[in-house]
N, C-alpha and C. Protein backbone atom coordinates (compact mmCIF):
# COMPACT_ATOMS: atom_id res chain seq x y z
N MET A 1 67.75 91.01 99.61
CA MET A 1 67.97 89.55 99.94
C MET A 1 67.83 88.79 100.61
N ALA A 2 67.39 86.98 100.28
CA ALA A 2 67.36 86.45 101.20
C ALA A 2 68.35 85.36 101.57
N ILE A 3 68.45 84.53 102.77
CA ILE A 3 69.29 84.12 102.83
C ILE A 3 68.55 82.52 103.34
N PHE A 4 69.32 81.42 102.55
CA PHE A 4 68.58 79.65 102.47
C PHE A 4 69.62 79.04 103.84
N ASP A 5 69.31 78.57 104.44
CA ASP A 5 70.60 77.94 105.38
C ASP A 5 70.32 76.13 104.94
N THR A 6 71.40 75.99 104.64
CA THR A 6 71.15 74.52 104.36
C THR A 6 71.91 73.79 105.14
N THR A 7 72.35 73.96 106.18
CA THR A 7 73.38 73.30 107.28
C THR A 7 72.37 72.25 108.50
N ARG A 8 70.79 72.70 108.34
CA ARG A 8 70.14 72.17 109.12
C ARG A 8 69.53 70.82 108.25
N THR A 9 69.10 70.10 109.56
CA THR A 9 68.52 68.75 108.89
C THR A 9 67.14 69.34 109.02
N THR A 10 66.31 68.61 108.05
CA THR A 10 64.74 68.86 108.05
C THR A 10 63.94 68.91 109.61
N TYR A 11 63.26 69.92 109.55
CA TYR A 11 63.26 70.02 111.10
C TYR A 11 61.56 68.79 111.11
N GLY A 12 61.80 67.98 112.62
CA GLY A 12 60.95 67.18 112.42
C GLY A 12 61.34 65.97 112.69
N THR A 13 62.53 65.77 112.02
CA THR A 13 63.60 64.10 111.40
C THR A 13 63.63 64.10 112.49
N ALA A 14 64.61 64.78 113.33
CA ALA A 14 65.79 64.24 113.96
C ALA A 14 64.37 63.71 115.60
N THR A 15 63.24 64.22 115.36
CA THR A 15 62.41 64.19 117.16
C THR A 15 61.87 62.74 116.64
N VAL A 16 61.24 62.35 115.24
CA VAL A 16 60.81 60.84 114.81
C VAL A 16 61.86 59.81 115.15
N VAL A 17 62.18 60.05 114.83
CA VAL A 17 63.90 59.14 114.81
C VAL A 17 64.34 59.01 115.72
N SER A 18 64.38 59.96 116.98
CA SER A 18 64.53 60.00 118.22
C SER A 18 63.33 58.99 119.09
N ARG A 19 62.44 59.51 119.06
CA ARG A 19 61.23 58.77 119.71
C ARG A 19 60.80 56.97 119.15
N PHE A 20 61.40 56.55 117.30
CA PHE A 20 61.36 55.49 116.83
C PHE A 20 62.48 54.65 117.98
N PHE A 21 63.48 55.02 118.14
CA PHE A 21 64.39 54.25 118.73
C PHE A 21 64.22 54.37 120.29
N GLY A 22 64.05 54.59 120.53
CA GLY A 22 63.37 55.26 122.21
C GLY A 22 62.57 53.80 122.43
N LEU A 23 61.33 53.69 121.63
CA LEU A 23 60.30 52.93 121.32
C LEU A 23 60.69 51.76 120.67
N VAL A 24 62.13 51.48 120.74
CA VAL A 24 62.91 50.15 120.25
C VAL A 24 63.32 50.17 121.45
N ASN A 25 63.91 50.39 122.22
CA ASN A 25 65.35 50.74 123.04
C ASN A 25 64.22 50.34 124.27
N ASN A 26 62.80 50.61 124.94
CA ASN A 26 61.85 50.33 125.42
C ASN A 26 61.38 49.06 126.04
N ALA A 27 61.25 48.40 124.37
CA ALA A 27 60.83 47.15 124.19
C ALA A 27 61.50 46.19 124.31
N ILE A 28 63.18 46.37 123.72
CA ILE A 28 64.10 45.25 124.34
C ILE A 28 64.06 45.56 125.99
N ALA A 29 64.20 46.58 126.23
CA ALA A 29 64.76 46.36 128.02
C ALA A 29 63.08 46.26 128.74
N SER A 30 61.92 45.64 128.21
CA SER A 30 61.05 44.98 129.31
C SER A 30 61.48 43.59 128.53
N ILE A 31 61.63 43.34 127.15
CA ILE A 31 61.98 42.02 127.11
C ILE A 31 62.94 41.34 128.06
N VAL A 32 64.18 41.80 127.84
CA VAL A 32 65.37 41.74 129.45
C VAL A 32 64.92 41.26 130.17
N ALA A 33 63.80 42.45 131.19
CA ALA A 33 63.60 42.68 132.00
C ALA A 33 62.55 41.29 132.44
N TRP A 34 61.75 41.04 131.83
CA TRP A 34 60.91 39.62 131.83
C TRP A 34 61.46 38.78 131.90
N ASN A 35 62.46 38.36 130.73
CA ASN A 35 63.45 37.21 130.48
C ASN A 35 64.34 37.10 132.00
N ASP A 36 65.08 38.17 132.55
CA ASP A 36 65.22 37.90 133.76
C ASP A 36 64.42 37.34 135.25
N ALA A 37 63.36 37.90 134.98
CA ALA A 37 62.34 36.97 136.05
C ALA A 37 62.00 35.77 135.96
N ARG A 38 61.61 35.80 134.91
CA ARG A 38 61.43 34.18 134.47
C ARG A 38 62.53 33.44 134.77
N VAL A 39 63.86 34.01 134.30
CA VAL A 39 65.24 32.97 134.72
C VAL A 39 64.99 32.68 136.18
N THR A 40 65.28 33.95 136.81
CA THR A 40 64.84 34.15 138.27
C THR A 40 64.14 33.10 138.94
N ARG A 41 62.60 33.82 138.66
CA ARG A 41 61.44 32.53 139.34
C ARG A 41 62.11 30.77 138.91
N ASN A 42 62.80 30.59 137.72
CA ASN A 42 62.76 29.16 137.65
C ASN A 42 64.08 28.64 138.67
N ALA A 43 65.25 29.18 138.62
CA ALA A 43 65.84 28.93 139.84
C ALA A 43 65.52 29.20 141.50
N LEU A 44 64.65 30.13 141.50
CA LEU A 44 64.07 29.97 142.91
C LEU A 44 63.09 28.99 142.97
N THR A 45 62.13 28.54 142.44
CA THR A 45 60.96 27.56 142.05
C THR A 45 62.09 25.80 142.12
N SER A 46 63.65 25.98 141.65
CA SER A 46 63.94 24.60 141.56
C SER A 46 64.34 24.22 143.05
N LEU A 47 64.69 25.22 143.79
CA LEU A 47 65.32 25.40 145.38
C LEU A 47 63.92 24.61 145.64
N SER A 48 64.30 23.89 147.19
CA SER A 48 63.89 23.13 148.25
C SER A 48 63.59 24.39 149.20
N ASP A 49 62.28 23.87 150.03
CA ASP A 49 61.70 24.59 151.43
C ASP A 49 62.64 24.93 151.79
N ARG A 50 64.00 23.49 152.56
CA ARG A 50 64.85 24.21 152.89
C ARG A 50 65.71 25.32 152.29
N GLU A 51 65.92 24.90 151.39
CA GLU A 51 67.13 25.65 150.65
C GLU A 51 66.86 27.41 150.42
N LEU A 52 65.41 27.21 150.49
CA LEU A 52 64.89 28.98 150.64
C LEU A 52 64.76 29.56 151.85
N LEU A 53 64.76 28.72 153.03
CA LEU A 53 64.47 29.11 154.13
C LEU A 53 65.97 29.64 154.66
N ASP A 54 66.87 29.11 154.33
CA ASP A 54 68.27 29.30 154.22
C ASP A 54 68.64 30.64 154.12
N ILE A 55 67.88 30.59 153.24
CA ILE A 55 68.47 32.12 152.34
C ILE A 55 67.13 33.28 152.49
N GLY A 56 66.58 32.91 153.60
CA GLY A 56 65.45 33.66 154.12
C GLY A 56 64.33 33.93 153.23
N LEU A 57 64.12 33.39 152.39
CA LEU A 57 62.56 33.04 151.36
C LEU A 57 61.88 32.07 151.78
N ASN A 58 60.34 31.97 151.26
CA ASN A 58 59.00 31.00 151.10
C ASN A 58 59.02 31.07 149.94
N ARG A 59 58.10 30.24 149.51
CA ARG A 59 57.32 29.67 148.10
C ARG A 59 56.51 31.59 147.72
N ALA A 60 55.66 31.88 149.07
CA ALA A 60 55.24 32.87 148.79
C ALA A 60 56.05 34.53 148.14
N ASP A 61 57.22 34.11 148.67
CA ASP A 61 58.08 35.15 148.29
C ASP A 61 58.84 34.97 146.21
N ILE A 62 58.42 34.28 145.75
CA ILE A 62 59.46 34.11 144.76
C ILE A 62 58.84 34.83 143.31
N ASP A 63 57.44 35.35 143.59
CA ASP A 63 57.16 36.22 142.28
C ASP A 63 57.51 37.71 142.93
N TYR A 64 57.42 37.94 144.59
CA TYR A 64 57.69 38.74 144.36
C TYR A 64 59.59 39.59 144.29
N VAL A 65 60.41 38.64 144.64
CA VAL A 65 61.64 38.75 144.27
C VAL A 65 62.31 38.80 142.75
N ALA A 66 61.43 38.16 142.00
CA ALA A 66 61.30 37.78 140.34
C ALA A 66 61.42 38.79 139.79
N GLU A 67 60.16 39.71 139.91
CA GLU A 67 59.18 40.98 140.16
C GLU A 67 59.76 42.20 140.14
N SER A 68 60.64 42.64 141.45
CA SER A 68 61.60 43.49 141.82
C SER A 68 62.87 43.83 140.96
N ASN A 69 63.04 44.85 141.49
CA ASN A 69 64.12 45.62 140.74
C ASN A 69 65.17 45.17 141.48
N ILE A 70 65.47 44.73 142.48
CA ILE A 70 66.72 44.34 143.33
C ILE A 70 67.69 43.95 141.77
N ILE A 71 68.94 44.51 142.75
CA ILE A 71 70.18 44.07 141.83
C ILE A 71 70.83 42.79 141.95
N ARG A 72 70.25 41.68 141.33
CA ARG A 72 70.76 40.25 141.21
C ARG A 72 72.10 39.68 140.89
């Protein structure tokens, strides 16, 4: 006598769906990180040299700060 288990999903389907949503999630996270860096870079670029000096930065530091993973 054979037993057929119908309670499980099709093998491999969950893995494919998980990978798809993982790729979508990574794409959205990349876009959000790019936008955060863009906004930070624009805000720092609009400051004068004196204002940048007051917060301990110079013009050369703007790209480093914008691309870093420092909590803003």
